Amino acid sequence: MELKKYFEIIHLAEKLKNTTRHCVTSAGRTESVAEHSWRAALMAYFLKDEFPKADINKVILMCIFHDMGEAFTGDIPTFEKNKNDEKNENEILYDWINSLPRNYSQELKELFDEMNEQQTVEAKIYKAIDKTEAVIQHNESPISSWLELEYELQKNYGKENCEFSEYMKNFRSQILDDTNKKIQEGK
């Protein structure tokens, strides 16, 4: 890859360090998109024993790249994001992917298509991780940072994405226990 293009990609990725999410950390600091993606990739790695037939390296790539479009659009919280926002982000993202050298462009287009279609076990694992990481982060954040609507959202967000696997259903159930405990302690 030409160095000019390489550094263009690296500088774009740096924007994800500065693009904040709705979540805050346990210390009360606003979380970045990069931090969310990093922990999602870490979560994927440590699920490899639970999904021995899955290509966990592909899941890790999905977790690393899944919010790349937010380098262009910023993060829009799930309870505010609409179909037009999703369409706009996807269009900008695919334009960026198409600007990459052919081998990278093809690989990332296939990866994003697979994530969007949600048919493979890898795509399902990634999506479950993406959703549950956000719930875990909220459980770790000070409850004073929660919006009123998040009390219910925390109980249900990502639940349907975990239904494909008994392990992930149990995983989401444990997160729900943590949510309920957090809410009880916050009263």
C-alpha atoms as a PDB file:
ATOM      1  CA  MET A   1       0.000   0.000   0.000  1.00  0.00           C
ATOM      2  CA  GLU A   2       1.235   3.475  -0.800  1.00  0.00           C
ATOM      3  CA  LEU A   3       2.319   5.289   2.336  1.00  0.00           C
ATOM      4  CA  LYS A   4       0.065   8.253   1.571  1.00  0.00           C
ATOM      5  CA  LYS A   5      -3.007   5.989   1.587  1.00  0.00           C
ATOM      6  CA  TYR A   6      -1.746   4.090   4.625  1.00  0.00           C
ATOM      7  CA  PHE A   7      -1.393   7.273   6.679  1.00  0.00           C
ATOM      8  CA  GLU A   8      -4.774   8.516   5.432  1.00  0.00           C
ATOM      9  CA  ILE A   9      -6.357   5.375   6.918  1.00  0.00           C
ATOM     10  CA  ILE A  10      -4.417   5.648  10.178  1.00  0.00           C
ATOM     11  CA  HIS A  11      -5.384   9.304  10.585  1.00  0.00           C
ATOM     12  CA  LEU A  12      -9.025   8.482   9.880  1.00  0.00           C
ATOM     13  CA  ALA A  13      -8.930   5.742  12.513  1.00  0.00           C
ATOM     14  CA  GLU A  14      -7.540   8.261  15.007  1.00  0.00           C
ATOM     15  CA  LYS A  15     -10.839  10.129  14.753  1.00  0.00           C
ATOM     16  CA  LEU A  16     -12.469   7.191  16.537  1.00  0.00           C
ATOM     17  CA  LYS A  17     -10.322   7.971  19.586  1.00  0.00           C
ATOM     18  CA  ASN A  18     -11.897  11.436  19.670  1.00  0.00           C
ATOM     19  CA  THR A  19     -15.419  10.439  18.662  1.00  0.00           C
ATOM     20  CA  THR A  20     -17.325  10.051  21.881  1.00  0.00           C
ATOM     21  CA  ARG A  21     -20.212   7.728  22.589  1.00  0.00           C
ATOM     22  CA  HIS A  22     -23.187   8.149  24.834  1.00  0.00           C
ATOM     23  CA  CYS A  23     -21.590   5.789  27.406  1.00  0.00           C
ATOM     24  CA  VAL A  24     -19.282   6.869  30.179  1.00  0.00           C
ATOM     25  CA  THR A  25     -16.568   4.817  31.829  1.00  0.00           C
ATOM     26  CA  SER A  26     -16.560   3.637  35.429  1.00  0.00           C
ATOM     27  CA  ALA A  27     -14.541   6.758  36.240  1.00  0.00           C
ATOM     28  CA  GLY A  28     -17.275   8.955  34.759  1.00  0.00           C
ATOM     29  CA  ARG A  29     -15.302   9.919  31.629  1.00  0.00           C
ATOM     30  CA  THR A  30     -17.038   9.854  28.252  1.00  0.00           C
ATOM     31  CA  GLU A  31     -16.085   6.730  26.309  1.00  0.00           C
ATOM     32  CA  SER A  32     -14.710   6.891  22.758  1.00  0.00           C
ATOM     33  CA  VAL A  33     -15.787   4.746  19.830  1.00  0.00           C
ATOM     34  CA  ALA A  34     -12.245   3.341  19.703  1.00  0.00           C
ATOM     35  CA  GLU A  35     -12.506   2.160  23.303  1.00  0.00           C
ATOM     36  CA  HIS A  36     -15.802   0.423  22.589  1.00  0.00           C
ATOM     37  CA  SER A  37     -14.385  -1.291  19.485  1.00  0.00           C
ATOM     38  CA  TRP A  38     -11.222  -2.338  21.305  1.00  0.00           C
ATOM     39  CA  ARG A  39     -13.114  -3.997  24.141  1.00  0.00           C
ATOM     40  CA  ALA A  40     -15.514  -5.660  21.703  1.00  0.00           C
ATOM     41  CA  ALA A  41     -12.494  -7.184  19.919  1.00  0.00           C
ATOM     42  CA  LEU A  42     -11.095  -8.336  23.279  1.00  0.00           C
ATOM     43  CA  MET A  43     -14.454  -9.889  24.153  1.00  0.00           C
ATOM     44  CA  ALA A  44     -14.444 -11.755  20.814  1.00  0.00           C
ATOM     45  CA  TYR A  45     -10.993 -13.179  21.423  1.00  0.00           C
ATOM     46  CA  PHE A  46     -12.027 -14.631  24.774  1.00  0.00           C
ATOM     47  CA  LEU A  47     -15.094 -16.305  23.254  1.00  0.00           C
ATOM     48  CA  LYS A  48     -13.085 -18.508  20.915  1.00  0.00           C
ATOM     49  CA  ASP A  49     -13.391 -21.596  23.142  1.00  0.00           C
ATOM     50  CA  GLU A  50     -17.183 -21.224  23.216  1.00  0.00           C
ATOM     51  CA  PHE A  51     -17.393 -21.112  19.404  1.00  0.00           C
ATOM     52  CA  PRO A  52     -14.651 -23.479  18.174  1.00  0.00           C
ATOM     53  CA  LYS A  53     -16.119 -23.715  14.654  1.00  0.00           C
ATOM     54  CA  ALA A  54     -16.311 -19.944  14.225  1.00  0.00           C
ATOM     55  CA  ASP A  55     -13.539 -17.880  12.652  1.00  0.00           C
ATOM     56  CA  ILE A  56     -12.824 -15.734  15.705  1.00  0.00           C
ATOM     57  CA  ASN A  57     -10.203 -13.726  13.827  1.00  0.00           C
ATOM     58  CA  LYS A  58     -12.988 -12.640  11.464  1.00  0.00           C
ATOM     59  CA  VAL A  59     -15.171 -11.715  14.459  1.00  0.00           C
ATOM     60  CA  ILE A  60     -12.278  -9.667  15.866  1.00  0.00           C
ATOM     61  CA  LEU A  61     -11.974  -7.847  12.512  1.00  0.00           C
ATOM     62  CA  MET A  62     -15.714  -7.181  12.571  1.00  0.00           C
ATOM     63  CA  CYS A  63     -15.410  -5.724  16.063  1.00  0.00           C
ATOM     64  CA  ILE A  64     -12.459  -3.554  15.064  1.00  0.00           C
ATOM     65  CA  PHE A  65     -14.120  -2.167  11.927  1.00  0.00           C
ATOM     66  CA  HIS A  66     -17.842  -2.176  12.767  1.00  0.00           C
ATOM     67  CA  ASP A  67     -18.056   1.494  13.823  1.00  0.00           C
ATOM     68  CA  MET A  68     -15.582   2.862  11.261  1.00  0.00           C
ATOM     69  CA  GLY A  69     -18.409   4.855   9.669  1.00  0.00           C
ATOM     70  CA  GLU A  70     -18.630   6.873  12.861  1.00  0.00           C
ATOM     71  CA  ALA A  71     -15.274   8.440  11.993  1.00  0.00           C
ATOM     72  CA  PHE A  72     -17.307  10.306   9.358  1.00  0.00           C
ATOM     73  CA  THR A  73     -20.699  10.742  11.041  1.00  0.00           C
ATOM     74  CA  GLY A  74     -19.982  10.668  14.753  1.00  0.00           C
ATOM     75  CA  ASP A  75     -21.829   8.388  17.146  1.00  0.00           C
ATOM     76  CA  ILE A  76     -25.598   8.589  17.335  1.00  0.00           C
ATOM     77  CA  PRO A  77     -27.059   6.813  20.381  1.00  0.00           C
ATOM     78  CA  THR A  78     -29.217   3.817  19.521  1.00  0.00           C
ATOM     79  CA  PHE A  79     -32.329   5.462  20.939  1.00  0.00           C
ATOM     80  CA  GLU A  80     -31.846   8.457  18.600  1.00  0.00           C
ATOM     81  CA  LYS A  81     -30.513   6.742  15.453  1.00  0.00           C
ATOM     82  CA  ASN A  82     -33.021   6.282  12.634  1.00  0.00           C
ATOM     83  CA  LYS A  83     -33.047   4.541   9.247  1.00  0.00           C
ATOM     84  CA  ASN A  84     -31.836   7.690   7.458  1.00  0.00           C
ATOM     85  CA  ASP A  85     -28.883   7.953   9.836  1.00  0.00           C
ATOM     86  CA  GLU A  86     -28.010   4.303   9.188  1.00  0.00           C
ATOM     87  CA  LYS A  87     -28.352   4.740   5.417  1.00  0.00           C
ATOM     88  CA  ASN A  88     -26.174   7.860   5.440  1.00  0.00           C
ATOM     89  CA  GLU A  89     -23.481   6.168   7.537  1.00  0.00           C
ATOM     90  CA  ASN A  90     -23.490   3.085   5.286  1.00  0.00           C
ATOM     91  CA  GLU A  91     -23.226   5.174   2.110  1.00  0.00           C
ATOM     92  CA  ILE A  92     -20.280   7.159   3.450  1.00  0.00           C
ATOM     93  CA  LEU A  93     -18.630   4.017   4.788  1.00  0.00           C
ATOM     94  CA  TYR A  94     -18.949   2.114   1.493  1.00  0.00           C
ATOM     95  CA  ASP A  95     -17.616   5.162  -0.396  1.00  0.00           C
ATOM     96  CA  TRP A  96     -14.571   5.054   1.879  1.00  0.00           C
ATOM     97  CA  ILE A  97     -14.205   1.287   1.445  1.00  0.00           C
ATOM     98  CA  ASN A  98     -14.351   1.722  -2.345  1.00  0.00           C
ATOM     99  CA  SER A  99     -11.519   4.274  -2.123  1.00  0.00           C
ATOM    100  CA  LEU A 100      -9.158   1.692  -0.624  1.00  0.00           C
ATOM    101  CA  PRO A 101      -6.710  -0.422  -2.640  1.00  0.00           C
ATOM    102  CA  ARG A 102      -8.610  -3.213  -4.370  1.00  0.00           C
ATOM    103  CA  ASN A 103      -7.619  -6.133  -2.104  1.00  0.00           C
ATOM    104  CA  TYR A 104      -8.554  -4.219   1.076  1.00  0.00           C
ATOM    105  CA  SER A 105     -11.670  -2.796  -0.520  1.00  0.00           C
ATOM    106  CA  GLN A 106     -12.931  -6.223  -1.540  1.00  0.00           C
ATOM    107  CA  GLU A 107     -12.163  -7.796   1.845  1.00  0.00           C
ATOM    108  CA  LEU A 108     -13.844  -5.024   3.839  1.00  0.00           C
ATOM    109  CA  LYS A 109     -16.863  -4.857   1.528  1.00  0.00           C
ATOM    110  CA  GLU A 110     -17.406  -8.589   2.027  1.00  0.00           C
ATOM    111  CA  LEU A 111     -16.898  -8.199   5.785  1.00  0.00           C
ATOM    112  CA  PHE A 112     -19.452  -5.370   6.073  1.00  0.00           C
ATOM    113  CA  ASP A 113     -21.912  -7.195   3.813  1.00  0.00           C
ATOM    114  CA  GLU A 114     -21.631 -10.240   6.084  1.00  0.00           C
ATOM    115  CA  MET A 115     -22.121  -8.108   9.206  1.00  0.00           C
ATOM    116  CA  ASN A 116     -25.165  -6.405   7.689  1.00  0.00           C
ATOM    117  CA  GLU A 117     -26.765  -9.649   6.479  1.00  0.00           C
ATOM    118  CA  GLN A 118     -26.442 -11.327   9.910  1.00  0.00           C
ATOM    119  CA  GLN A 119     -26.529 -14.864   8.480  1.00  0.00           C
ATOM    120  CA  THR A 120     -23.205 -16.346   9.625  1.00  0.00           C
ATOM    121  CA  VAL A 121     -22.278 -17.361  13.146  1.00  0.00           C
ATOM    122  CA  GLU A 122     -19.385 -14.880  12.992  1.00  0.00           C
ATOM    123  CA  ALA A 123     -21.741 -12.002  12.194  1.00  0.00           C
ATOM    124  CA  LYS A 124     -24.096 -13.076  14.962  1.00  0.00           C
ATOM    125  CA  ILE A 125     -21.270 -13.282  17.505  1.00  0.00           C
ATOM    126  CA  TYR A 126     -20.023  -9.830  16.500  1.00  0.00           C
ATOM    127  CA  LYS A 127     -23.497  -8.272  16.757  1.00  0.00           C
ATOM    128  CA  ALA A 128     -24.155  -9.850  20.164  1.00  0.00           C
ATOM    129  CA  ILE A 129     -20.807  -8.542  21.400  1.00  0.00           C
ATOM    130  CA  ASP A 130     -21.418  -5.054  19.998  1.00  0.00           C
ATOM    131  CA  LYS A 131     -24.757  -4.758  21.763  1.00  0.00           C
ATOM    132  CA  THR A 132     -23.757  -6.380  25.047  1.00  0.00           C
ATOM    133  CA  GLU A 133     -20.515  -4.423  25.356  1.00  0.00           C
ATOM    134  CA  ALA A 134     -22.602  -1.245  25.476  1.00  0.00           C
ATOM    135  CA  VAL A 135     -24.831  -2.699  28.198  1.00  0.00           C
ATOM    136  CA  ILE A 136     -21.809  -3.863  30.195  1.00  0.00           C
ATOM    137  CA  GLN A 137     -20.292  -0.378  29.897  1.00  0.00           C
ATOM    138  CA  HIS A 138     -23.486   1.208  31.180  1.00  0.00           C
ATOM    139  CA  ASN A 139     -23.505  -1.236  34.089  1.00  0.00           C
ATOM    140  CA  GLU A 140     -19.959  -0.113  34.891  1.00  0.00           C
ATOM    141  CA  SER A 141     -20.757   3.586  34.614  1.00  0.00           C
ATOM    142  CA  PRO A 142     -22.160   5.686  37.449  1.00  0.00           C
ATOM    143  CA  ILE A 143     -25.934   5.239  37.504  1.00  0.00           C
ATOM    144  CA  SER A 144     -26.218   9.018  37.727  1.00  0.00           C
ATOM    145  CA  SER A 145     -25.121   9.086  34.065  1.00  0.00           C
ATOM    146  CA  TRP A 146     -28.122   6.993  32.964  1.00  0.00           C
ATOM    147  CA  LEU A 147     -31.050   8.614  31.217  1.00  0.00           C
ATOM    148  CA  GLU A 148     -34.513   7.585  32.411  1.00  0.00           C
ATOM    149  CA  LEU A 149     -35.146   5.538  29.255  1.00  0.00           C
ATOM    150  CA  GLU A 150     -31.960   3.551  29.836  1.00  0.00           C
ATOM    151  CA  TYR A 151     -33.328   1.764  32.871  1.00  0.00           C
ATOM    152  CA  GLU A 152     -35.583  -0.275  30.579  1.00  0.00           C
ATOM    153  CA  LEU A 153     -33.161  -0.277  27.636  1.00  0.00           C
ATOM    154  CA  GLN A 154     -30.468  -1.849  29.833  1.00  0.00           C
ATOM    155  CA  LYS A 155     -32.780  -4.779  30.535  1.00  0.00           C
ATOM    156  CA  ASN A 156     -33.564  -5.558  26.896  1.00  0.00           C
ATOM    157  CA  TYR A 157     -30.881  -4.122  24.613  1.00  0.00           C
ATOM    158  CA  GLY A 158     -29.115  -6.842  22.654  1.00  0.00           C
ATOM    159  CA  LYS A 159     -31.215  -9.639  24.104  1.00  0.00           C
ATOM    160  CA  GLU A 160     -32.504 -10.740  20.683  1.00  0.00           C
ATOM    161  CA  ASN A 161     -28.951 -10.704  19.315  1.00  0.00           C
ATOM    162  CA  CYS A 162     -27.933 -13.330  21.867  1.00  0.00           C
ATOM    163  CA  GLU A 163     -30.763 -15.757  21.109  1.00  0.00           C
ATOM    164  CA  PHE A 164     -28.732 -17.720  18.523  1.00  0.00           C
ATOM    165  CA  SER A 165     -26.600 -19.427  21.181  1.00  0.00           C
ATOM    166  CA  GLU A 166     -27.242 -20.945  24.584  1.00  0.00           C
ATOM    167  CA  TYR A 167     -23.922 -19.561  25.806  1.00  0.00           C
ATOM    168  CA  MET A 168     -24.784 -16.041  24.638  1.00  0.00           C
ATOM    169  CA  LYS A 169     -28.274 -16.269  26.171  1.00  0.00           C
ATOM    170  CA  ASN A 170     -26.637 -17.136  29.503  1.00  0.00           C
ATOM    171  CA  PHE A 171     -24.109 -14.344  28.951  1.00  0.00           C
ATOM    172  CA  ARG A 172     -26.936 -11.818  28.410  1.00  0.00           C
ATOM    173  CA  SER A 173     -28.786 -13.195  31.437  1.00  0.00           C
ATOM    174  CA  GLN A 174     -25.730 -12.538  33.628  1.00  0.00           C
ATOM    175  CA  ILE A 175     -25.551  -8.990  32.273  1.00  0.00           C
ATOM    176  CA  LEU A 176     -29.239  -8.539  33.141  1.00  0.00           C
ATOM    177  CA  ASP A 177     -28.508  -9.710  36.692  1.00  0.00           C
ATOM    178  CA  ASP A 178     -25.771  -7.068  36.880  1.00  0.00           C
ATOM    179  CA  THR A 179     -28.176  -4.437  35.525  1.00  0.00           C
ATOM    180  CA  ASN A 180     -30.840  -5.285  38.086  1.00  0.00           C
ATOM    181  CA  LYS A 181     -28.275  -5.197  40.879  1.00  0.00           C
ATOM    182  CA  LYS A 182     -27.007  -1.808  39.644  1.00  0.00           C
ATOM    183  CA  ILE A 183     -30.548  -0.413  39.603  1.00  0.00           C
ATOM    184  CA  GLN A 184     -31.285  -1.769  43.101  1.00  0.00           C
ATOM    185  CA  GLU A 185     -28.072  -0.285  44.497  1.00  0.00           C
ATOM    186  CA  GLY A 186     -28.845   3.032  42.795  1.00  0.00           C
ATOM    187  CA  LYS A 187     -32.188   3.454  44.568  1.00  0.00           C
END
